[in-house]
């Protein structure tokens, strides 16, 4: 086991009270909390300065809270007991998930004070209408809306936190080093005493020493080979093609280093992938993908053009179920078919980049998009995304779908049957609806947050809503539900000793820690729970370090 570098190899040495590995939301919150102490901090990030903030900066910025002031103002009745019941239904914790369950309880009980209140004190605001996602398919999910959207998206959230970091009265106690890759943990006399690695800009080997080391390096979502290797047996088998929707340096390096020194890494087969990924028109990494918000009124079809079932797929209820349903098909990709009217009203892409009105806090364009649809985004994707095709007839659409995929797998008879059966159900009238997708749309439209963004029972092959649009979709990697196991103080656990911290001075936070305990979500997440748990675990780690210093 390598625990340090030979002196002859070291070109640069650093000294600090605390080392933080990773410049995403968990690392930044840890640094921000520790600046209130007298500790000298060094934050190492492999990316470039313009990417400071990590994946959170690119996110949509939704956060899960329980019985928040915004919920109460909207008349939404929520409480800790209901939230725990919903979380446990989705998590399906195993007997071995003791720490994960305890972390979940702690987050649910404390998130509104420890995260919502903390963010409000930092000047972060939220959109007043909450999103209602992950409602559950075969078991209850979120019984009430809990997805609090940051006004400014994840970009605004991270900009505000970075601003607080840069203007902190003790900013001189923090050193941020970019383009610094961590290659190992330095261990001395049974304690972690720092890290070593390479300054990739200068090609210099360095070593850094500290009493406390916090791993905030993210998950494994950027390592597609690792995702395929650890793919869970219940998810239908790994697709041949998986698009990358994670951070380019979320490679699992620190997970491997922790295992090398005897730390415990758990549940890496539990991933939070998305079923509706498309190729980014301007990629900056291999197979760079975007996560679309699948239109509720579109038909979700398999590679032949038949509706995936027996229950039609509808987004917003159980993301994991959608992924499993697609991956149980012979060909593990899918199509969504709609028309332009549906696309303009319902199509969206998750994240800050493709939501500029919210990101830039421009209320008028945002309201215009809600009321009249996002024509600009639809036009942009039709023109620039390889996965979009348009046509003026079902026959032409099938032909273009096959041309895009380079085969003849879409059967025009299946495609026509899927569309005509759905449209026929709508034509018979609301009181005769006998289609589960239409029933779910009826349910969605009862909540004001969904009604304005969901068509009122729109047929697909409608001459007044042309052209027809087909979107080819792949499974998209995003987040790791498993990770480095930590105790309730964010200290890394030993693989050989139950309930024992591995080494003094080593912590893991955020996605690196499976968002708490090596897997706070269990087998599936209620959404909005990722940013919140990153903040919460980081605050816990900082609190533990402060306590150790006293």
Protein backbone atom coordinates (compact mmCIF):
# COMPACT_ATOMS: atom_id res chain seq x y z
CA UNK A 1 0.00 0.00 0.00
CA UNK A 2 1.53 3.30 -1.11
CA UNK A 3 1.11 5.87 1.67
CA UNK A 4 3.55 8.59 0.60
CA UNK A 5 5.97 9.61 -2.16
CA UNK A 6 9.76 9.27 -2.07
CA UNK A 7 11.36 12.61 -1.25
CA UNK A 8 13.26 12.54 -4.54
CA UNK A 9 10.01 12.68 -6.53
CA UNK A 10 8.40 15.59 -4.70
CA UNK A 11 8.79 18.90 -6.54
CA UNK A 12 6.51 21.03 -4.36
CA UNK A 13 5.24 20.80 -0.78
CA UNK A 14 2.19 22.40 0.84
CA UNK A 15 1.09 22.67 4.46
CA UNK A 16 -2.41 23.35 5.80
CA UNK A 17 -4.76 22.60 8.67
CA UNK A 18 -7.37 21.11 6.35
CA UNK A 19 -7.21 19.82 2.78
CA UNK A 20 -10.38 19.68 0.68
CA UNK A 21 -10.35 17.49 -2.44
CA UNK A 22 -12.86 18.79 -4.99
CA UNK A 23 -14.32 22.18 -5.92
CA UNK A 24 -17.98 21.26 -6.26
CA UNK A 25 -20.79 22.30 -3.96
CA UNK A 26 -19.73 19.96 -1.10
CA UNK A 27 -16.14 21.16 -1.17
CA UNK A 28 -17.09 24.83 -1.37
CA UNK A 29 -19.58 24.56 1.52
CA UNK A 30 -16.96 22.76 3.64
CA UNK A 31 -14.45 25.54 2.95
CA UNK A 32 -17.02 28.26 3.61
CA UNK A 33 -17.93 26.75 6.98
CA UNK A 34 -14.30 26.26 8.03
CA UNK A 35 -13.27 29.83 7.19
CA UNK A 36 -15.01 30.93 10.38
CA UNK A 37 -12.25 29.15 12.31
CA UNK A 38 -8.54 29.83 12.42
CA UNK A 39 -7.79 26.81 10.22
CA UNK A 40 -5.64 27.27 7.14
CA UNK A 41 -7.44 25.56 4.23
CA UNK A 42 -6.19 24.27 0.89
CA UNK A 43 -8.76 23.28 -1.74
CA UNK A 44 -7.51 21.13 -4.63
CA UNK A 45 -9.58 20.93 -7.81
CA UNK A 46 -8.61 19.11 -11.00
CA UNK A 47 -10.70 21.33 -13.26
CA UNK A 48 -10.07 24.86 -14.54
CA UNK A 49 -11.10 28.05 -12.65
CA UNK A 50 -14.07 28.72 -14.94
CA UNK A 51 -15.53 25.33 -13.93
CA UNK A 52 -15.30 26.07 -10.19
CA UNK A 53 -18.60 24.89 -8.67
CA UNK A 54 -18.66 21.52 -10.43
CA UNK A 55 -21.77 19.71 -11.59
CA UNK A 56 -23.98 21.70 -9.22
CA UNK A 57 -23.22 24.83 -11.25
CA UNK A 58 -24.68 23.13 -14.34
CA UNK A 59 -27.75 21.78 -12.54
CA UNK A 60 -31.37 22.92 -12.56
CA UNK A 61 -30.99 23.79 -8.88
CA UNK A 62 -33.89 21.96 -7.23
CA UNK A 63 -33.61 21.10 -3.53
CA UNK A 64 -35.78 18.83 -1.35
CA UNK A 65 -37.09 20.41 1.87
CA UNK A 66 -39.74 19.32 4.36
CA UNK A 67 -42.41 21.65 5.79
CA UNK A 68 -40.60 24.69 4.46
CA UNK A 69 -41.92 28.27 4.65
CA UNK A 70 -42.69 28.11 0.92
CA UNK A 71 -44.70 24.92 1.36
CA UNK A 72 -46.65 26.41 4.24
CA UNK A 73 -47.31 29.62 2.27
CA UNK A 74 -48.65 27.53 -0.63
CA UNK A 75 -50.92 25.55 1.70
CA UNK A 76 -48.94 22.33 1.22
CA UNK A 77 -49.20 20.23 4.36
CA UNK A 78 -45.94 18.37 4.90
CA UNK A 79 -44.21 16.87 7.90
CA UNK A 80 -41.17 14.79 8.86
CA UNK A 81 -43.15 11.55 9.34
CA UNK A 82 -44.70 11.76 5.86
CA UNK A 83 -41.34 12.59 4.28
CA UNK A 84 -39.67 9.63 6.02
CA UNK A 85 -42.41 7.31 4.82
CA UNK A 86 -41.97 8.54 1.23
CA UNK A 87 -38.16 8.33 1.40
CA UNK A 88 -38.25 4.77 2.82
CA UNK A 89 -40.74 3.65 0.16
CA UNK A 90 -38.36 4.70 -2.58
CA UNK A 91 -35.14 3.72 -0.80
CA UNK A 92 -36.08 0.11 -0.07
CA UNK A 93 -33.18 -0.02 2.39
CA UNK A 94 -31.44 -3.35 3.02
CA UNK A 95 -30.53 -4.59 6.50
CA UNK A 96 -26.94 -3.47 5.82
CA UNK A 97 -28.08 0.12 5.18
CA UNK A 98 -28.03 1.14 8.85
CA UNK A 99 -25.88 4.23 8.40
CA UNK A 100 -27.70 5.23 5.22
CA UNK A 101 -31.03 5.06 7.06
CA UNK A 102 -29.69 7.14 9.96
CA UNK A 103 -28.33 9.74 7.54
CA UNK A 104 -31.72 9.86 5.80
CA UNK A 105 -33.51 10.41 9.11
CA UNK A 106 -31.10 13.17 10.10
CA UNK A 107 -31.40 14.96 6.77
CA UNK A 108 -35.21 14.82 6.71
CA UNK A 109 -35.42 16.07 10.31
CA UNK A 110 -32.91 18.90 9.83
CA UNK A 111 -32.89 19.91 6.14
CA UNK A 112 -35.20 22.89 6.42
CA UNK A 113 -33.18 24.50 9.21
CA UNK A 114 -29.70 23.28 8.26
CA UNK A 115 -29.96 23.76 4.49
CA UNK A 116 -32.95 25.95 3.55
CA UNK A 117 -32.33 28.40 6.42
CA UNK A 118 -28.59 28.37 5.79
CA UNK A 119 -29.04 29.15 2.09
CA UNK A 120 -31.54 31.92 2.78
CA UNK A 121 -29.01 33.48 5.16
CA UNK A 122 -26.50 33.38 2.28
CA UNK A 123 -28.89 35.31 0.03
CA UNK A 124 -30.20 32.37 -2.04
CA UNK A 125 -33.87 32.68 -3.05
CA UNK A 126 -36.36 30.15 -4.39
CA UNK A 127 -39.14 30.22 -6.98
CA UNK A 128 -42.50 30.31 -5.12
CA UNK A 129 -44.20 27.47 -7.06
CA UNK A 130 -42.75 24.09 -6.09
CA UNK A 131 -42.23 21.25 -8.57
CA UNK A 132 -43.83 17.90 -7.82
CA UNK A 133 -41.56 15.11 -9.05
CA UNK A 134 -40.98 11.42 -8.23
CA UNK A 135 -44.57 10.88 -7.13
CA UNK A 136 -44.13 7.13 -7.32
CA UNK A 137 -45.25 4.46 -9.77
CA UNK A 138 -45.84 1.18 -7.95
CA UNK A 139 -45.17 2.64 -4.49
CA UNK A 140 -45.72 6.15 -3.15
CA UNK A 141 -42.95 8.67 -3.73
CA UNK A 142 -43.30 12.35 -2.91
CA UNK A 143 -46.82 12.66 -1.50
CA UNK A 144 -46.59 16.45 -1.84
CA UNK A 145 -44.42 18.89 -3.84
CA UNK A 146 -40.97 19.28 -2.23
CA UNK A 147 -38.73 20.33 -5.16
CA UNK A 148 -37.71 23.90 -4.31
CA UNK A 149 -36.19 25.48 -7.42
CA UNK A 150 -33.41 28.00 -6.82
CA UNK A 151 -34.18 31.28 -8.57
CA UNK A 152 -31.09 31.41 -10.77
CA UNK A 153 -30.74 27.60 -11.15
CA UNK A 154 -27.65 25.77 -9.91
CA UNK A 155 -25.55 28.43 -11.63
CA UNK A 156 -27.03 31.14 -9.42
CA UNK A 157 -26.70 28.96 -6.34
CA UNK A 158 -23.00 28.31 -6.91
CA UNK A 159 -22.28 31.89 -7.98
CA UNK A 160 -23.70 33.08 -4.67
CA UNK A 161 -21.74 30.54 -2.59
CA UNK A 162 -18.50 31.29 -4.46
CA UNK A 163 -19.12 35.01 -3.93
CA UNK A 164 -19.52 34.35 -0.18
CA UNK A 165 -16.29 32.37 -0.24
CA UNK A 166 -14.32 35.03 -2.10
CA UNK A 167 -15.57 37.90 0.08
CA UNK A 168 -15.24 36.10 3.40
CA UNK A 169 -13.31 38.13 6.02
CA UNK A 170 -10.90 35.19 6.41
CA UNK A 171 -10.40 34.60 2.66
CA UNK A 172 -6.62 34.87 3.15
CA UNK A 173 -6.72 31.56 5.05
CA UNK A 174 -7.92 29.72 1.92
CA UNK A 175 -5.72 28.63 -0.99
CA UNK A 176 -7.44 27.22 -4.10
CA UNK A 177 -5.29 25.20 -6.50
CA UNK A 178 -6.79 24.29 -9.88
CA UNK A 179 -5.56 21.64 -12.34
CA UNK A 180 -4.23 19.65 -9.37
CA UNK A 181 -4.96 15.93 -9.60
CA UNK A 182 -4.93 13.88 -6.38
CA UNK A 183 -3.25 10.50 -6.82
CA UNK A 184 -3.13 9.18 -3.28
CA UNK A 185 -3.55 9.66 0.44
CA UNK A 186 -0.55 10.25 2.68
CA UNK A 187 -0.68 8.11 5.85
CA UNK A 188 1.56 8.54 8.87
CA UNK A 189 1.33 6.46 12.06
CA UNK A 190 -2.25 5.36 11.43
CA UNK A 191 -3.58 8.79 10.49
CA UNK A 192 -4.27 10.45 7.15
CA UNK A 193 -1.86 13.36 7.02
CA UNK A 194 -2.52 14.71 3.55
CA UNK A 195 -2.47 13.92 -0.15
CA UNK A 196 -0.08 13.74 -3.06
CA UNK A 197 -0.58 14.18 -6.77
CA UNK A 198 0.31 16.06 -9.95
CA UNK A 199 -0.07 19.70 -10.92
CA UNK A 200 -1.30 18.91 -14.45
CA UNK A 201 -0.68 22.45 -15.69
CA UNK A 202 2.99 22.51 -14.70
CA UNK A 203 3.52 18.73 -14.75
CA UNK A 204 4.94 18.85 -11.22
CA UNK A 205 4.59 16.25 -8.48
CA UNK A 206 3.40 17.73 -5.18
CA UNK A 207 2.62 16.65 -1.63
CA UNK A 208 0.33 18.41 0.82
CA UNK A 209 0.16 17.80 4.56
CA UNK A 210 -2.76 18.56 6.90
CA UNK A 211 -4.42 17.32 10.08
CA UNK A 212 -7.75 16.92 8.29
CA UNK A 213 -8.52 15.74 4.73
CA UNK A 214 -12.03 16.05 3.27
CA UNK A 215 -12.89 14.10 0.12
CA UNK A 216 -15.44 16.04 -1.95
CA UNK A 217 -14.46 14.71 -5.36
CA UNK A 218 -17.89 13.60 -6.58
CA UNK A 219 -19.07 10.19 -7.72
CA UNK A 220 -18.37 7.78 -10.59
CA UNK A 221 -20.91 9.04 -13.16
CA UNK A 222 -18.21 10.26 -15.54
CA UNK A 223 -16.62 6.79 -15.72
CA UNK A 224 -18.88 4.94 -18.16
CA UNK A 225 -16.74 1.79 -18.04
CA UNK A 226 -17.10 1.63 -14.26
CA UNK A 227 -20.86 2.18 -14.52
CA UNK A 228 -21.18 -0.76 -16.91
CA UNK A 229 -18.96 -2.94 -14.72
CA UNK A 230 -21.02 -2.31 -11.57
CA UNK A 231 -24.44 -2.18 -13.29
CA UNK A 232 -27.05 -3.57 -10.92
CA UNK A 233 -28.74 -6.89 -11.81
CA UNK A 234 -32.26 -5.47 -11.33
CA UNK A 235 -31.86 -2.69 -13.89
CA UNK A 236 -32.15 -4.88 -16.99
CA UNK A 237 -28.50 -5.04 -18.04
CA UNK A 238 -26.18 -2.23 -19.06
CA UNK A 239 -26.86 -0.58 -22.44
CA UNK A 240 -24.12 -0.65 -25.03
CA UNK A 241 -24.35 3.14 -25.31
CA UNK A 242 -24.61 5.36 -22.24
CA UNK A 243 -24.34 9.12 -22.62
CA UNK A 244 -22.28 11.06 -20.08
CA UNK A 245 -24.34 13.56 -18.11
CA UNK A 246 -22.00 13.73 -15.15
CA UNK A 247 -18.82 15.68 -14.41
CA UNK A 248 -15.86 14.85 -16.62
CA UNK A 249 -13.68 14.17 -13.56
CA UNK A 250 -16.27 12.13 -11.66
CA UNK A 251 -14.16 9.05 -12.30
CA UNK A 252 -14.14 7.30 -8.94
CA UNK A 253 -10.42 7.93 -8.34
CA UNK A 254 -10.90 8.73 -4.65
CA UNK A 255 -13.16 5.74 -4.15
CA UNK A 256 -10.33 3.52 -5.36
CA UNK A 257 -7.76 5.28 -3.16
CA UNK A 258 -9.99 4.89 -0.09
CA UNK A 259 -10.34 1.17 -0.79
CA UNK A 260 -6.56 0.84 -1.14
CA UNK A 261 -6.00 2.18 2.37
CA UNK A 262 -8.74 0.05 3.93
CA UNK A 263 -11.75 2.32 3.73
CA UNK A 264 -15.25 1.11 2.92
CA UNK A 265 -16.95 1.86 -0.41
CA UNK A 266 -20.52 0.62 -0.79
CA UNK A 267 -23.44 0.40 -3.23
CA UNK A 268 -21.67 1.54 -6.41
CA UNK A 269 -24.16 -0.55 -8.38
CA UNK A 270 -26.82 1.96 -7.29
CA UNK A 271 -26.78 4.75 -9.85
CA UNK A 272 -29.17 7.61 -10.51
CA UNK A 273 -29.27 7.54 -14.30
CA UNK A 274 -31.88 9.09 -16.58
CA UNK A 275 -33.86 7.38 -19.33
CA UNK A 276 -34.12 10.36 -21.70
CA UNK A 277 -30.61 11.44 -22.67
CA UNK A 278 -29.76 13.16 -25.95
CA UNK A 279 -26.44 14.16 -27.49
CA UNK A 280 -25.23 17.64 -26.56
CA UNK A 281 -25.08 19.77 -29.73
CA UNK A 282 -21.78 21.32 -28.53
CA UNK A 283 -20.04 18.53 -26.58
CA UNK A 284 -16.99 19.09 -24.39
CA UNK A 285 -16.41 15.41 -23.49
CA UNK A 286 -16.94 12.02 -25.08
CA UNK A 287 -20.62 11.14 -25.58
CA UNK A 288 -21.62 14.32 -23.77
CA UNK A 289 -25.32 14.06 -23.05
CA UNK A 290 -28.18 16.26 -21.91
CA UNK A 291 -31.08 15.16 -19.73
CA UNK A 292 -34.36 16.22 -21.25
CA UNK A 293 -37.55 16.67 -19.26
CA UNK A 294 -39.68 14.21 -21.24
CA UNK A 295 -42.98 15.70 -22.44
CA UNK A 296 -45.88 14.05 -20.62
CA UNK A 297 -48.05 14.11 -23.76
CA UNK A 298 -45.45 12.41 -25.98
CA UNK A 299 -45.56 8.68 -26.67
CA UNK A 300 -42.58 6.75 -25.28
CA UNK A 301 -41.72 4.04 -27.83
CA UNK A 302 -39.25 1.18 -28.14
CA UNK A 303 -36.79 0.66 -30.99
CA UNK A 304 -39.58 -0.79 -33.18
CA UNK A 305 -42.00 2.09 -32.69
CA UNK A 306 -44.25 0.35 -30.15
CA UNK A 307 -45.23 1.91 -26.82
CA UNK A 308 -43.12 0.58 -23.98
CA UNK A 309 -45.43 -1.09 -21.50
CA UNK A 310 -47.63 -2.77 -20.54
CA UNK A 311 -48.10 0.50 -18.62
CA UNK A 312 -47.25 3.47 -20.87
CA UNK A 313 -44.20 5.37 -19.62
CA UNK A 314 -44.75 8.88 -18.25
CA UNK A 315 -42.03 11.02 -16.67
CA UNK A 316 -42.35 12.61 -13.24
CA UNK A 317 -43.33 9.54 -11.23
CA UNK A 318 -40.37 7.15 -10.89
CA UNK A 319 -37.14 7.81 -12.78
CA UNK A 320 -35.66 4.45 -11.82
CA UNK A 321 -38.71 2.65 -13.23
CA UNK A 322 -38.27 4.48 -16.54
CA UNK A 323 -34.61 3.43 -16.78
CA UNK A 324 -35.43 -0.19 -15.94
CA UNK A 325 -38.29 -0.26 -18.46
CA UNK A 326 -36.07 0.97 -21.28
CA UNK A 327 -33.24 -1.39 -20.32
CA UNK A 328 -35.53 -4.43 -20.34
CA UNK A 329 -36.05 -3.96 -24.07
CA UNK A 330 -33.99 -5.91 -26.60
CA UNK A 331 -32.49 -2.63 -27.80
CA UNK A 332 -31.77 -0.38 -24.81
CA UNK A 333 -32.62 3.00 -26.28
CA UNK A 334 -36.00 4.58 -26.97
CA UNK A 335 -37.93 7.14 -28.97
CA UNK A 336 -40.38 9.82 -27.95
CA UNK A 337 -42.89 10.87 -30.57
CA UNK A 338 -44.92 14.07 -30.37
CA UNK A 339 -45.85 17.07 -32.51
CA UNK A 340 -44.59 20.63 -32.44
CA UNK A 341 -47.47 21.87 -30.29
CA UNK A 342 -46.59 19.35 -27.56
CA UNK A 343 -42.87 20.08 -27.87
CA UNK A 344 -43.30 23.84 -27.56
CA UNK A 345 -45.55 23.48 -24.52
CA UNK A 346 -43.80 20.65 -22.67
CA UNK A 347 -40.26 20.04 -23.89
CA UNK A 348 -37.45 21.15 -21.60
CA UNK A 349 -33.85 20.30 -20.80
CA UNK A 350 -32.69 19.97 -17.21
CA UNK A 351 -29.89 22.28 -16.13
CA UNK A 352 -28.75 25.87 -16.14
CA UNK A 353 -27.44 26.02 -19.70
CA UNK A 354 -30.80 25.58 -21.44
CA UNK A 355 -32.88 27.59 -18.97
CA UNK A 356 -31.37 31.07 -19.43
CA UNK A 357 -34.48 32.96 -18.28
CA UNK A 358 -34.40 31.26 -14.87
CA UNK A 359 -30.59 31.20 -14.71
CA UNK A 360 -30.33 34.91 -15.42
CA UNK A 361 -33.37 35.74 -13.25
CA UNK A 362 -35.32 37.34 -16.10
CA UNK A 363 -38.90 37.12 -14.93
CA UNK A 364 -40.64 38.34 -18.13
CA UNK A 365 -38.99 35.83 -20.53
CA UNK A 366 -39.59 33.11 -17.93
CA UNK A 367 -43.31 33.91 -17.75
CA UNK A 368 -43.51 34.14 -21.54
CA UNK A 369 -42.02 30.64 -21.82
CA UNK A 370 -44.55 29.31 -19.32
CA UNK A 371 -47.51 30.89 -21.05
CA UNK A 372 -46.58 30.46 -24.71
CA UNK A 373 -43.97 27.68 -24.67
CA UNK A 374 -40.28 27.59 -25.44
CA UNK A 375 -40.15 27.88 -29.22
CA UNK A 376 -36.52 28.94 -29.19
CA UNK A 377 -35.36 25.79 -27.43
CA UNK A 378 -37.41 23.48 -29.66
CA UNK A 379 -36.11 25.20 -32.80
CA UNK A 380 -32.53 25.01 -31.51
CA UNK A 381 -32.74 21.27 -30.80
CA UNK A 382 -34.45 20.45 -34.11
CA UNK A 383 -31.70 22.36 -35.95
CA UNK A 384 -28.67 21.26 -33.95
CA UNK A 385 -29.26 18.02 -32.05
CA UNK A 386 -28.57 14.86 -34.00
CA UNK A 387 -31.30 12.94 -32.15
CA UNK A 388 -34.23 15.00 -33.52
CA UNK A 389 -36.16 14.29 -36.71
CA UNK A 390 -39.33 15.96 -38.04
CA UNK A 391 -41.90 14.89 -40.62
CA UNK A 392 -45.39 15.71 -41.91
CA UNK A 393 -46.71 12.15 -41.90
CA UNK A 394 -46.30 8.94 -39.92
CA UNK A 395 -44.76 7.22 -42.93
CA UNK A 396 -42.19 9.98 -43.42
CA UNK A 397 -41.40 10.00 -39.70
CA UNK A 398 -40.69 6.25 -39.65
CA UNK A 399 -38.45 6.62 -42.68
CA UNK A 400 -36.45 9.44 -41.05
CA UNK A 401 -36.17 7.58 -37.74
CA UNK A 402 -34.66 4.62 -39.55
CA UNK A 403 -32.35 6.84 -41.59
CA UNK A 404 -31.08 8.49 -38.38
CA UNK A 405 -30.37 5.14 -36.75
CA UNK A 406 -28.92 3.59 -39.91
CA UNK A 407 -31.28 0.61 -39.90
CA UNK A 408 -34.89 -0.42 -40.57
CA UNK A 409 -35.91 -1.32 -37.03
CA UNK A 410 -38.80 1.14 -36.75
CA UNK A 411 -41.84 -0.59 -38.23
CA UNK A 412 -44.25 1.94 -39.72
CA UNK A 413 -47.21 -0.32 -38.89
CA UNK A 414 -46.27 -0.41 -35.18
CA UNK A 415 -45.67 3.35 -35.21
CA UNK A 416 -49.04 4.08 -36.81
CA UNK A 417 -50.83 1.69 -34.44
CA UNK A 418 -49.24 3.32 -31.37
CA UNK A 419 -50.26 6.81 -32.49
CA UNK A 420 -53.75 5.95 -33.74
CA UNK A 421 -54.71 4.00 -30.60
CA UNK A 422 -53.67 6.91 -28.39
CA UNK A 423 -55.32 9.54 -30.56
CA UNK A 424 -58.50 7.45 -30.80
CA UNK A 425 -58.75 7.35 -27.02
CA UNK A 426 -58.59 11.15 -26.88
CA UNK A 427 -61.20 11.49 -29.65
CA UNK A 428 -63.71 9.42 -27.65
CA UNK A 429 -63.71 12.05 -24.93
CA UNK A 430 -62.52 12.51 -21.37
CA UNK A 431 -65.21 10.40 -19.73
CA UNK A 432 -64.15 7.41 -21.86
CA UNK A 433 -60.38 7.69 -21.29
CA UNK A 434 -59.04 4.16 -20.95
CA UNK A 435 -55.33 4.81 -21.24
CA UNK A 436 -53.00 5.04 -18.25
CA UNK A 437 -50.97 7.87 -19.79
CA UNK A 438 -54.11 9.99 -20.10
CA UNK A 439 -55.10 9.14 -16.52
CA UNK A 440 -51.70 10.32 -15.31
CA UNK A 441 -51.98 13.50 -17.38
CA UNK A 442 -55.36 14.14 -15.71
CA UNK A 443 -53.62 13.75 -12.33
CA UNK A 444 -50.74 16.03 -13.34
CA UNK A 445 -53.06 18.78 -14.52
CA UNK A 446 -54.74 18.99 -11.11
CA UNK A 447 -51.60 20.62 -9.67
CA UNK A 448 -51.02 24.22 -10.81
CA UNK A 449 -47.28 23.70 -11.10
CA UNK A 450 -47.87 21.05 -13.81
CA UNK A 451 -51.09 22.27 -15.42
CA UNK A 452 -49.46 25.28 -17.05
CA UNK A 453 -46.74 23.06 -18.56
CA UNK A 454 -48.93 20.12 -19.69
CA UNK A 455 -51.14 20.00 -22.78
CA UNK A 456 -54.85 19.34 -22.35
CA UNK A 457 -55.11 15.87 -23.92
CA UNK A 458 -53.36 16.67 -27.18
CA UNK A 459 -53.50 14.16 -30.06
CA UNK A 460 -50.23 13.26 -31.79
CA UNK A 461 -51.26 13.09 -35.47
CA UNK A 462 -53.02 16.45 -35.47
CA UNK A 463 -52.85 18.45 -38.74
CA UNK A 464 -53.06 21.69 -36.74
CA UNK A 465 -50.02 20.80 -34.60
CA UNK A 466 -47.50 19.67 -37.22
CA UNK A 467 -44.79 18.74 -37.83
CA UNK A 468 -44.41 15.40 -36.08
CA UNK A 469 -41.21 15.13 -34.02
CA UNK A 470 -39.31 12.02 -32.96
CA UNK A 471 -36.50 12.19 -30.40
CA UNK A 472 -34.04 9.31 -30.07
CA UNK A 473 -33.06 8.87 -26.41
CA UNK A 474 -30.31 6.99 -24.60
CA UNK A 475 -29.66 6.18 -20.96
CA UNK A 476 -27.73 9.09 -19.43
CA UNK A 477 -25.35 8.79 -16.49
CA UNK A 478 -25.73 11.38 -13.77
CA UNK A 479 -25.19 10.60 -10.07
CA UNK A 480 -23.87 7.81 -7.84
CA UNK A 481 -26.24 6.72 -5.09
CA UNK A 482 -23.44 4.71 -3.46
CA UNK A 483 -20.01 5.88 -2.36
CA UNK A 484 -17.52 6.09 0.47
CA UNK A 485 -19.21 5.00 3.69
CA UNK A 486 -19.16 7.59 6.47
CA UNK A 487 -20.35 7.69 10.06
CA UNK A 488 -22.79 10.35 11.25
CA UNK A 489 -19.88 12.79 11.63
CA UNK A 490 -18.80 12.38 7.96
CA UNK A 491 -15.71 10.36 8.94
CA UNK A 492 -14.68 7.60 6.51
CA UNK A 493 -15.43 4.11 7.80
CA UNK A 494 -13.10 1.12 7.87
CA UNK A 495 -13.87 -1.87 5.63
CA UNK A 496 -12.58 -4.30 8.25
CA UNK A 497 -14.14 -2.94 11.43
CA UNK A 498 -17.87 -2.36 11.74
CA UNK A 499 -18.81 1.09 13.09
CA UNK A 500 -15.19 2.24 13.26
CA UNK A 501 -13.62 5.19 11.49
CA UNK A 502 -10.76 4.10 9.27
CA UNK A 503 -8.18 6.75 10.09
CA UNK A 504 -8.14 9.84 12.17
CA UNK A 505 -8.50 12.94 10.02
CA UNK A 506 -10.25 11.52 6.93
CA UNK A 507 -13.76 12.65 5.89
CA UNK A 508 -16.01 12.29 2.84
CA UNK A 509 -18.89 14.55 1.85
CA UNK A 510 -21.45 14.99 -0.91
CA UNK A 511 -21.63 12.53 -3.78
CA UNK A 512 -18.26 11.03 -2.86
CA UNK A 513 -19.96 9.75 0.32
CA UNK A 514 -23.08 8.53 -1.48
CA UNK A 515 -24.57 11.81 -0.23
CA UNK A 516 -24.15 10.49 3.32
CA UNK A 517 -23.30 7.11 4.85
CA UNK A 518 -22.34 5.54 1.52
CA UNK A 519 -25.90 5.63 0.20
CA UNK A 520 -28.43 7.90 1.90
CA UNK A 521 -30.99 7.34 -0.89
CA UNK A 522 -31.02 3.57 -0.89
CA UNK A 523 -32.08 2.24 -4.30
CA UNK A 524 -33.76 5.39 -5.68
CA UNK A 525 -34.04 9.08 -4.92
CA UNK A 526 -36.92 11.50 -4.43
CA UNK A 527 -35.11 14.14 -6.56
CA UNK A 528 -33.92 17.48 -5.23
CA UNK A 529 -32.14 15.46 -2.57
CA UNK A 530 -28.66 15.72 -4.10
CA UNK A 531 -27.73 19.37 -3.66
CA UNK A 532 -29.32 19.42 -0.21
CA UNK A 533 -27.40 16.40 1.07
CA UNK A 534 -24.15 17.79 -0.36
CA UNK A 535 -24.64 20.92 1.74
CA UNK A 536 -25.73 18.96 4.80
CA UNK A 537 -22.85 16.45 4.79
CA UNK A 538 -20.36 19.27 4.23
CA UNK A 539 -21.68 21.22 7.20
CA UNK A 540 -21.50 18.08 9.35
CA UNK A 541 -17.87 17.45 8.34
CA UNK A 542 -16.92 21.07 9.07
CA UNK A 543 -18.66 20.87 12.43
CA UNK A 544 -16.73 17.70 13.29
CA UNK A 545 -13.41 19.29 12.30
CA UNK A 546 -14.20 22.36 14.38
CA UNK A 547 -14.99 20.12 17.34
CA UNK A 548 -11.72 18.20 16.91
CA UNK A 549 -9.80 21.47 16.92
CA UNK A 550 -11.27 22.59 20.23
